C-alpha atoms as a PDB file:
ATOM      1  CA  MET A   1     105.979  73.944  83.405  1.00  0.00           C
ATOM      2  CA  SER A   2     102.879  72.730  85.222  1.00  0.00           C
ATOM      3  CA  GLU A   3     101.647  74.361  88.271  1.00  0.00           C
ATOM      4  CA  SER A   4      99.896  72.846  90.922  1.00  0.00           C
ATOM      5  CA  ALA A   5      97.946  73.484  94.025  1.00  0.00           C
ATOM      6  CA  SER A   6      99.916  71.494  96.174  1.00  0.00           C
ATOM      7  CA  GLY A   7     103.457  72.662  95.701  1.00  0.00           C
ATOM      8  CA  GLY A   8     104.336  70.501  92.642  1.00  0.00           C
ATOM      9  CA  ARG A   9     102.434  67.386  93.515  1.00  0.00           C
ATOM     10  CA  GLY A  10      98.875  66.749  92.923  1.00  0.00           C
ATOM     11  CA  VAL A  11      96.101  68.485  91.281  1.00  0.00           C
ATOM     12  CA  PRO A  12      96.788  70.934  88.685  1.00  0.00           C
ATOM     13  CA  VAL A  13      95.577  74.563  89.526  1.00  0.00           C
ATOM     14  CA  ALA A  14      93.228  74.579  86.800  1.00  0.00           C
ATOM     15  CA  SER A  15      91.494  71.541  88.059  1.00  0.00           C
ATOM     16  CA  ALA A  16      91.292  72.701  91.492  1.00  0.00           C
ATOM     17  CA  PHE A  17      89.507  75.796  90.663  1.00  0.00           C
ATOM     18  CA  ALA A  18      87.296  74.371  87.819  1.00  0.00           C
ATOM     19  CA  GLY A  19      84.097  74.274  89.828  1.00  0.00           C
ATOM     20  CA  MET A  20      84.360  77.683  91.418  1.00  0.00           C
ATOM     21  CA  ARG A  21      82.043  80.405  90.621  1.00  0.00           C
ATOM     22  CA  SER A  22      82.541  84.217  90.953  1.00  0.00           C
ATOM     23  CA  VAL A  23      81.543  85.775  94.126  1.00  0.00           C
ATOM     24  CA  THR A  24      79.247  88.534  94.314  1.00  0.00           C
ATOM     25  CA  PRO A  25      80.601  91.546  96.338  1.00  0.00           C
ATOM     26  CA  VAL A  26      78.897  92.106  99.741  1.00  0.00           C
ATOM     27  CA  VAL A  27      77.052  95.333 100.310  1.00  0.00           C
ATOM     28  CA  PHE A  28      75.897  96.932 103.654  1.00  0.00           C
ATOM     29  CA  LYS A  29      73.063  99.045 104.158  1.00  0.00           C
ATOM     30  CA  ALA A  30      73.898 102.093 106.285  1.00  0.00           C
ATOM     31  CA  GLY A  31      72.476 105.397 107.269  1.00  0.00           C
ATOM     32  CA  CYS A  32      74.046 108.943 108.250  1.00  0.00           C
ATOM     33  CA  PRO A  33      72.813 110.573 111.542  1.00  0.00           C
ATOM     34  CA  ASP A  34      73.828 113.977 110.025  1.00  0.00           C
ATOM     35  CA  CYS A  35      72.056 114.358 106.640  1.00  0.00           C
ATOM     36  CA  ARG A  36      69.581 111.352 107.024  1.00  0.00           C
ATOM     37  CA  GLY A  37      70.970 109.606 104.019  1.00  0.00           C
ATOM     38  CA  ARG A  38      70.484 105.928 103.342  1.00  0.00           C
ATOM     39  CA  PHE A  39      72.830 103.980 101.221  1.00  0.00           C
ATOM     40  CA  GLU A  40      74.801 101.013 100.371  1.00  0.00           C
ATOM     41  CA  LEU A  41      78.543 100.583 100.920  1.00  0.00           C
ATOM     42  CA  ALA A  42      80.902  97.991  99.946  1.00  0.00           C
ATOM     43  CA  ALA A  43      82.982  96.398 102.588  1.00  0.00           C
ATOM     44  CA  SER A  44      86.122  98.410 101.598  1.00  0.00           C
ATOM     45  CA  ALA A  45      84.161 101.750 102.719  1.00  0.00           C
ATOM     46  CA  LEU A  46      83.766 100.463 106.378  1.00  0.00           C
ATOM     47  CA  ARG A  47      86.196  99.967 109.365  1.00  0.00           C
ATOM     48  CA  LEU A  48      85.602  97.868 112.247  1.00  0.00           C
ATOM     49  CA  ALA A  49      87.191  98.252 115.746  1.00  0.00           C
ATOM     50  CA  ILE A  50      86.862  95.735 118.179  1.00  0.00           C
ATOM     51  CA  GLY A  51      87.587  96.809 121.794  1.00  0.00           C
ATOM     52  CA  ALA A  52      87.578  95.281 125.316  1.00  0.00           C
ATOM     53  CA  SER A  53      84.002  96.196 125.700  1.00  0.00           C
ATOM     54  CA  SER A  54      80.798  97.163 123.824  1.00  0.00           C
ATOM     55  CA  ARG A  55      81.790 100.985 124.495  1.00  0.00           C
ATOM     56  CA  THR A  56      84.796 100.347 122.580  1.00  0.00           C
ATOM     57  CA  THR A  57      83.757  98.349 119.541  1.00  0.00           C
ATOM     58  CA  PHE A  58      82.419 100.161 116.689  1.00  0.00           C
ATOM     59  CA  TYR A  59      82.263 100.646 112.924  1.00  0.00           C
ATOM     60  CA  SER A  60      82.850 103.571 111.065  1.00  0.00           C
ATOM     61  CA  PHE A  61      82.463 105.074 107.611  1.00  0.00           C
ATOM     62  CA  THR A  62      82.470 108.252 105.687  1.00  0.00           C
ATOM     63  CA  CYS A  63      78.888 109.426 104.400  1.00  0.00           C
ATOM     64  CA  PRO A  64      79.101 109.269 100.624  1.00  0.00           C
ATOM     65  CA  GLU A  65      76.346 111.927 100.644  1.00  0.00           C
ATOM     66  CA  CYS A  66      77.434 114.871 103.118  1.00  0.00           C
ATOM     67  CA  GLY A  67      80.990 113.536 103.793  1.00  0.00           C
ATOM     68  CA  ALA A  68      80.479 113.156 107.538  1.00  0.00           C
ATOM     69  CA  ALA A  69      82.629 110.724 109.529  1.00  0.00           C
ATOM     70  CA  VAL A  70      80.225 108.245 111.000  1.00  0.00           C
ATOM     71  CA  ARG A  71      80.890 106.056 114.012  1.00  0.00           C
ATOM     72  CA  LYS A  72      78.197 103.557 115.245  1.00  0.00           C
ATOM     73  CA  PRO A  73      78.378 100.824 117.960  1.00  0.00           C
ATOM     74  CA  ALA A  74      79.077  97.238 117.030  1.00  0.00           C
ATOM     75  CA  GLY A  75      77.142  94.505 119.002  1.00  0.00           C
ATOM     76  CA  GLU A  76      78.052  90.744 118.572  1.00  0.00           C
ATOM     77  CA  ARG A  77      75.827  90.238 115.286  1.00  0.00           C
ATOM     78  CA  ILE A  78      77.054  93.289 113.694  1.00  0.00           C
ATOM     79  CA  VAL A  79      80.617  92.350 114.336  1.00  0.00           C
ATOM     80  CA  GLU A  80      79.950  88.899 112.821  1.00  0.00           C
ATOM     81  CA  LEU A  81      78.153  90.299 109.870  1.00  0.00           C
ATOM     82  CA  LEU A  82      80.857  92.783 109.249  1.00  0.00           C
ATOM     83  CA  THR A  83      83.803  90.511 109.461  1.00  0.00           C
ATOM     84  CA  GLY A  84      82.050  87.752 107.460  1.00  0.00           C
ATOM     85  CA  GLY A  85      81.626  90.320 104.784  1.00  0.00           C
ATOM     86  CA  GLY A  86      85.146  91.122 104.462  1.00  0.00           C
ATOM     87  CA  VAL A  87      85.300  94.495 106.281  1.00  0.00           C
ATOM     88  CA  ARG A  88      88.920  95.460 107.468  1.00  0.00           C
ATOM     89  CA  THR A  89      89.167  95.018 111.317  1.00  0.00           C
ATOM     90  CA  LEU A  90      91.250  96.723 113.888  1.00  0.00           C
ATOM     91  CA  ARG A  91      91.760  95.057 117.137  1.00  0.00           C
ATOM     92  CA  LEU A  92      92.036  97.490 119.922  1.00  0.00           C
ATOM     93  CA  HIS A  93      94.480  96.429 122.887  1.00  0.00           C
ATOM     94  CA  SER A  94      93.968  97.406 126.596  1.00  0.00           C
ATOM     95  CA  THR A  95      96.973  99.449 127.841  1.00  0.00           C
ATOM     96  CA  VAL A  96      96.335  98.586 131.436  1.00  0.00           C
END
């Protein structure tokens, strides 16, 4: 059986991925306001919530040093960087 990238016809899967390289995982620098620790976090350690305003758009994580729940505001540039880096995103909907 020959698998292909286009559902049975076309380029074999092995050929389609032949030139690809492995991707280096993205890490984000962060800091804890409680313990003042500075560290790097993988995308999987962060959560991004996008709300209707800048007040309701934030990212959060658990400090790996002290265990505090940290929540920080996320402007447009931060949202762009986090989503581009693979951080899971939750879109908050208005109930009004």
